[in-house]
């Protein structure tokens, strides 16, 4: 339900102007980051537990539409989560 109805409704376009290729490292996919933050708040997870979920939990992979098997697609650091928030 989340992937089909809510993931595409996350306000990614409002955040895009704040992330440019000319400033720092490229950002993670914004739908994924916002989805992680939404799940984190919903499930009352601390940052460490929230970043573990997309790395290991197949339910989160499905909900966040993470289809790649690479570490780059699944790994989010606590610093990235914090700075995006």
N, C-alpha and C. Protein backbone atom coordinates (compact mmCIF):
# COMPACT_ATOMS: atom_id res chain seq x y z
N UNK A 1 0.82 -1.18 0.00
CA UNK A 1 0.00 0.00 0.00
C UNK A 1 0.87 1.26 0.00
N UNK A 2 1.92 1.27 0.81
CA UNK A 2 2.78 2.45 0.89
C UNK A 2 3.40 2.75 -0.47
N UNK A 3 3.99 1.73 -1.08
CA UNK A 3 4.68 1.92 -2.36
C UNK A 3 3.72 2.38 -3.45
N UNK A 4 2.55 1.82 -3.49
CA UNK A 4 1.60 2.13 -4.56
C UNK A 4 0.87 3.45 -4.37
N UNK A 5 0.62 3.87 -3.13
CA UNK A 5 -0.22 5.04 -2.90
C UNK A 5 0.49 6.23 -2.26
N UNK A 6 1.50 6.00 -1.46
CA UNK A 6 2.10 7.11 -0.71
C UNK A 6 3.49 7.51 -1.19
N UNK A 7 4.29 6.57 -1.64
CA UNK A 7 5.67 6.87 -2.02
C UNK A 7 5.73 7.97 -3.07
N UNK A 8 4.88 7.92 -4.07
CA UNK A 8 4.86 8.94 -5.11
C UNK A 8 4.29 10.27 -4.67
N UNK A 9 3.64 10.31 -3.51
CA UNK A 9 3.05 11.54 -2.99
C UNK A 9 3.98 12.31 -2.05
N UNK A 10 5.13 11.74 -1.72
CA UNK A 10 6.06 12.42 -0.83
C UNK A 10 6.55 13.70 -1.50
N UNK A 11 6.73 14.79 -0.73
CA UNK A 11 7.05 16.10 -1.31
C UNK A 11 8.51 16.25 -1.77
N UNK A 12 8.94 15.37 -2.64
CA UNK A 12 10.32 15.37 -3.13
C UNK A 12 10.64 16.66 -3.87
N UNK A 13 9.70 17.17 -4.65
CA UNK A 13 9.95 18.38 -5.44
C UNK A 13 10.27 19.59 -4.57
N UNK A 14 9.76 19.62 -3.35
CA UNK A 14 10.07 20.73 -2.44
C UNK A 14 11.51 20.68 -1.95
N UNK A 15 12.10 19.48 -1.91
CA UNK A 15 13.47 19.33 -1.42
C UNK A 15 14.52 19.43 -2.52
N UNK A 16 14.17 19.10 -3.74
CA UNK A 16 15.14 19.05 -4.84
C UNK A 16 15.99 20.32 -4.97
N UNK A 17 15.43 21.52 -4.82
CA UNK A 17 16.25 22.72 -4.99
C UNK A 17 17.40 22.84 -3.98
N UNK A 18 17.31 22.14 -2.87
CA UNK A 18 18.33 22.23 -1.83
C UNK A 18 19.48 21.25 -2.04
N UNK A 19 19.37 20.40 -3.04
CA UNK A 19 20.40 19.41 -3.34
C UNK A 19 20.88 19.63 -4.77
N UNK A 20 22.12 20.05 -4.91
CA UNK A 20 22.69 20.28 -6.24
C UNK A 20 23.95 19.46 -6.40
N UNK A 21 24.28 19.13 -7.64
CA UNK A 21 25.50 18.37 -7.91
C UNK A 21 26.75 19.18 -7.62
N UNK A 22 26.63 20.51 -7.62
CA UNK A 22 27.79 21.37 -7.40
C UNK A 22 28.18 21.47 -5.93
N UNK A 23 27.33 20.95 -5.04
CA UNK A 23 27.59 21.08 -3.61
C UNK A 23 27.68 19.71 -2.96
N UNK A 24 28.89 19.28 -2.62
CA UNK A 24 29.08 18.04 -1.88
C UNK A 24 28.80 16.79 -2.67
N UNK A 25 28.62 15.71 -1.95
CA UNK A 25 28.35 14.40 -2.53
C UNK A 25 26.93 14.35 -3.10
N UNK A 26 26.71 13.52 -4.11
CA UNK A 26 25.33 13.34 -4.59
C UNK A 26 24.46 12.76 -3.47
N UNK A 27 23.22 13.18 -3.41
CA UNK A 27 22.33 12.71 -2.36
C UNK A 27 21.74 11.34 -2.70
N UNK A 28 21.27 10.68 -1.70
CA UNK A 28 20.54 9.43 -1.92
C UNK A 28 19.22 9.78 -2.60
N UNK A 29 18.57 8.78 -3.13
CA UNK A 29 17.29 8.99 -3.78
C UNK A 29 16.32 9.58 -2.76
N UNK A 30 15.70 10.72 -3.08
CA UNK A 30 14.91 11.45 -2.10
C UNK A 30 13.63 10.73 -1.69
N UNK A 31 13.01 9.97 -2.58
CA UNK A 31 11.83 9.19 -2.18
C UNK A 31 12.21 8.20 -1.09
N UNK A 32 13.38 7.59 -1.25
CA UNK A 32 13.84 6.62 -0.26
C UNK A 32 14.10 7.30 1.08
N UNK A 33 14.80 8.43 1.05
CA UNK A 33 15.11 9.13 2.30
C UNK A 33 13.86 9.60 3.02
N UNK A 34 12.94 10.18 2.29
CA UNK A 34 11.70 10.64 2.93
C UNK A 34 10.88 9.47 3.46
N UNK A 35 10.87 8.37 2.71
CA UNK A 35 10.17 7.18 3.18
C UNK A 35 10.77 6.62 4.46
N UNK A 36 12.10 6.60 4.52
CA UNK A 36 12.78 6.14 5.73
C UNK A 36 12.42 7.03 6.91
N UNK A 37 12.43 8.34 6.70
CA UNK A 37 12.10 9.27 7.79
C UNK A 37 10.65 9.10 8.24
N UNK A 38 9.76 8.87 7.29
CA UNK A 38 8.36 8.65 7.64
C UNK A 38 8.19 7.37 8.45
N UNK A 39 8.81 6.28 8.00
CA UNK A 39 8.76 5.03 8.75
C UNK A 39 9.42 5.18 10.13
N UNK A 40 10.53 5.91 10.17
CA UNK A 40 11.22 6.11 11.44
C UNK A 40 10.30 6.75 12.48
N UNK A 41 9.59 7.80 12.07
CA UNK A 41 8.70 8.48 12.99
C UNK A 41 7.49 7.61 13.34
N UNK A 42 6.96 6.91 12.36
CA UNK A 42 5.80 6.06 12.59
C UNK A 42 6.11 4.93 13.56
N UNK A 43 7.30 4.36 13.42
CA UNK A 43 7.69 3.21 14.25
C UNK A 43 8.51 3.60 15.47
N UNK A 44 8.72 4.91 15.65
CA UNK A 44 9.48 5.43 16.79
C UNK A 44 10.86 4.79 16.89
N UNK A 45 11.62 4.85 15.78
CA UNK A 45 12.96 4.28 15.72
C UNK A 45 14.01 5.36 15.89
N UNK A 46 15.11 5.03 16.55
CA UNK A 46 16.22 5.97 16.57
C UNK A 46 16.94 5.91 15.23
N UNK A 47 17.89 6.81 15.00
CA UNK A 47 18.56 6.87 13.71
C UNK A 47 19.28 5.56 13.35
N UNK A 48 19.95 4.97 14.32
CA UNK A 48 20.70 3.73 14.05
C UNK A 48 19.77 2.61 13.58
N UNK A 49 18.64 2.46 14.25
CA UNK A 49 17.70 1.42 13.86
C UNK A 49 17.03 1.74 12.54
N UNK A 50 16.78 3.01 12.28
CA UNK A 50 16.13 3.42 11.03
C UNK A 50 17.01 3.14 9.82
N UNK A 51 18.31 3.38 9.92
CA UNK A 51 19.19 3.14 8.77
C UNK A 51 19.50 1.65 8.60
N UNK A 52 19.32 0.84 9.62
CA UNK A 52 19.49 -0.60 9.48
C UNK A 52 18.37 -1.23 8.66
N UNK A 53 17.18 -0.69 8.76
CA UNK A 53 16.02 -1.30 8.11
C UNK A 53 16.15 -1.38 6.59
N UNK A 54 16.50 -0.30 5.88
CA UNK A 54 16.62 -0.43 4.43
C UNK A 54 17.81 -1.31 4.02
N UNK A 55 18.76 -1.48 4.91
CA UNK A 55 19.92 -2.33 4.59
C UNK A 55 19.57 -3.81 4.66
N UNK A 56 18.66 -4.19 5.57
CA UNK A 56 18.43 -5.61 5.82
C UNK A 56 16.98 -6.09 5.71
N UNK A 57 16.01 -5.20 5.80
CA UNK A 57 14.61 -5.61 5.89
C UNK A 57 13.94 -5.60 4.52
N UNK A 58 13.59 -6.77 4.03
CA UNK A 58 13.00 -6.90 2.69
C UNK A 58 11.63 -6.21 2.61
N UNK A 59 10.93 -6.10 3.72
CA UNK A 59 9.65 -5.39 3.71
C UNK A 59 9.86 -3.91 3.40
N UNK A 60 10.94 -3.34 3.95
CA UNK A 60 11.25 -1.94 3.64
C UNK A 60 11.71 -1.81 2.20
N UNK A 61 12.44 -2.78 1.68
CA UNK A 61 12.86 -2.75 0.26
C UNK A 61 11.62 -2.64 -0.63
N UNK A 62 10.63 -3.46 -0.34
CA UNK A 62 9.41 -3.47 -1.15
C UNK A 62 8.67 -2.14 -1.02
N UNK A 63 8.46 -1.68 0.20
CA UNK A 63 7.71 -0.44 0.43
C UNK A 63 8.39 0.77 -0.19
N UNK A 64 9.72 0.80 -0.13
CA UNK A 64 10.48 1.95 -0.65
C UNK A 64 10.88 1.76 -2.10
N UNK A 65 10.45 0.67 -2.71
CA UNK A 65 10.74 0.35 -4.11
C UNK A 65 12.24 0.28 -4.39
N UNK A 66 12.96 -0.34 -3.47
CA UNK A 66 14.39 -0.57 -3.66
C UNK A 66 14.53 -1.91 -4.39
N UNK A 67 14.84 -1.84 -5.67
CA UNK A 67 14.89 -3.06 -6.48
C UNK A 67 16.32 -3.52 -6.75
N UNK A 68 17.27 -2.64 -6.54
CA UNK A 68 18.67 -3.00 -6.76
C UNK A 68 19.20 -3.80 -5.58
N UNK A 69 20.15 -4.67 -5.84
CA UNK A 69 20.76 -5.46 -4.78
C UNK A 69 22.09 -4.87 -4.31
N UNK A 70 22.43 -3.69 -4.79
CA UNK A 70 23.71 -3.10 -4.44
C UNK A 70 23.68 -2.46 -3.06
N UNK A 71 24.84 -2.38 -2.44
CA UNK A 71 24.95 -1.69 -1.16
C UNK A 71 24.59 -0.21 -1.30
N UNK A 72 24.95 0.36 -2.44
CA UNK A 72 24.67 1.77 -2.67
C UNK A 72 23.16 2.06 -2.62
N UNK A 73 22.36 1.16 -3.13
CA UNK A 73 20.91 1.35 -3.14
C UNK A 73 20.30 1.16 -1.76
N UNK A 74 20.89 0.29 -0.94
CA UNK A 74 20.27 -0.08 0.33
C UNK A 74 20.88 0.61 1.55
N UNK A 75 22.11 1.12 1.43
CA UNK A 75 22.78 1.67 2.60
C UNK A 75 22.55 3.17 2.72
N UNK A 76 22.14 3.60 3.89
CA UNK A 76 22.01 5.02 4.22
C UNK A 76 22.74 5.22 5.54
N UNK A 77 23.60 6.20 5.59
CA UNK A 77 24.33 6.46 6.83
C UNK A 77 23.48 7.30 7.77
N UNK A 78 23.81 7.24 9.05
CA UNK A 78 23.10 8.06 10.03
C UNK A 78 23.30 9.54 9.72
N UNK A 79 24.50 9.90 9.25
CA UNK A 79 24.78 11.30 8.93
C UNK A 79 23.90 11.78 7.78
N UNK A 80 23.70 10.94 6.76
CA UNK A 80 22.85 11.31 5.64
C UNK A 80 21.41 11.50 6.11
N UNK A 81 20.94 10.60 6.95
CA UNK A 81 19.59 10.72 7.49
C UNK A 81 19.44 12.00 8.29
N UNK A 82 20.41 12.28 9.13
CA UNK A 82 20.39 13.47 9.98
C UNK A 82 20.42 14.74 9.14
N UNK A 83 21.34 14.81 8.18
CA UNK A 83 21.48 16.05 7.40
C UNK A 83 20.29 16.27 6.48
N UNK A 84 19.64 15.22 6.02
CA UNK A 84 18.44 15.37 5.20
C UNK A 84 17.27 15.87 6.05
N UNK A 85 17.20 15.34 7.24
CA UNK A 85 16.13 15.78 8.15
C UNK A 85 16.29 17.26 8.47
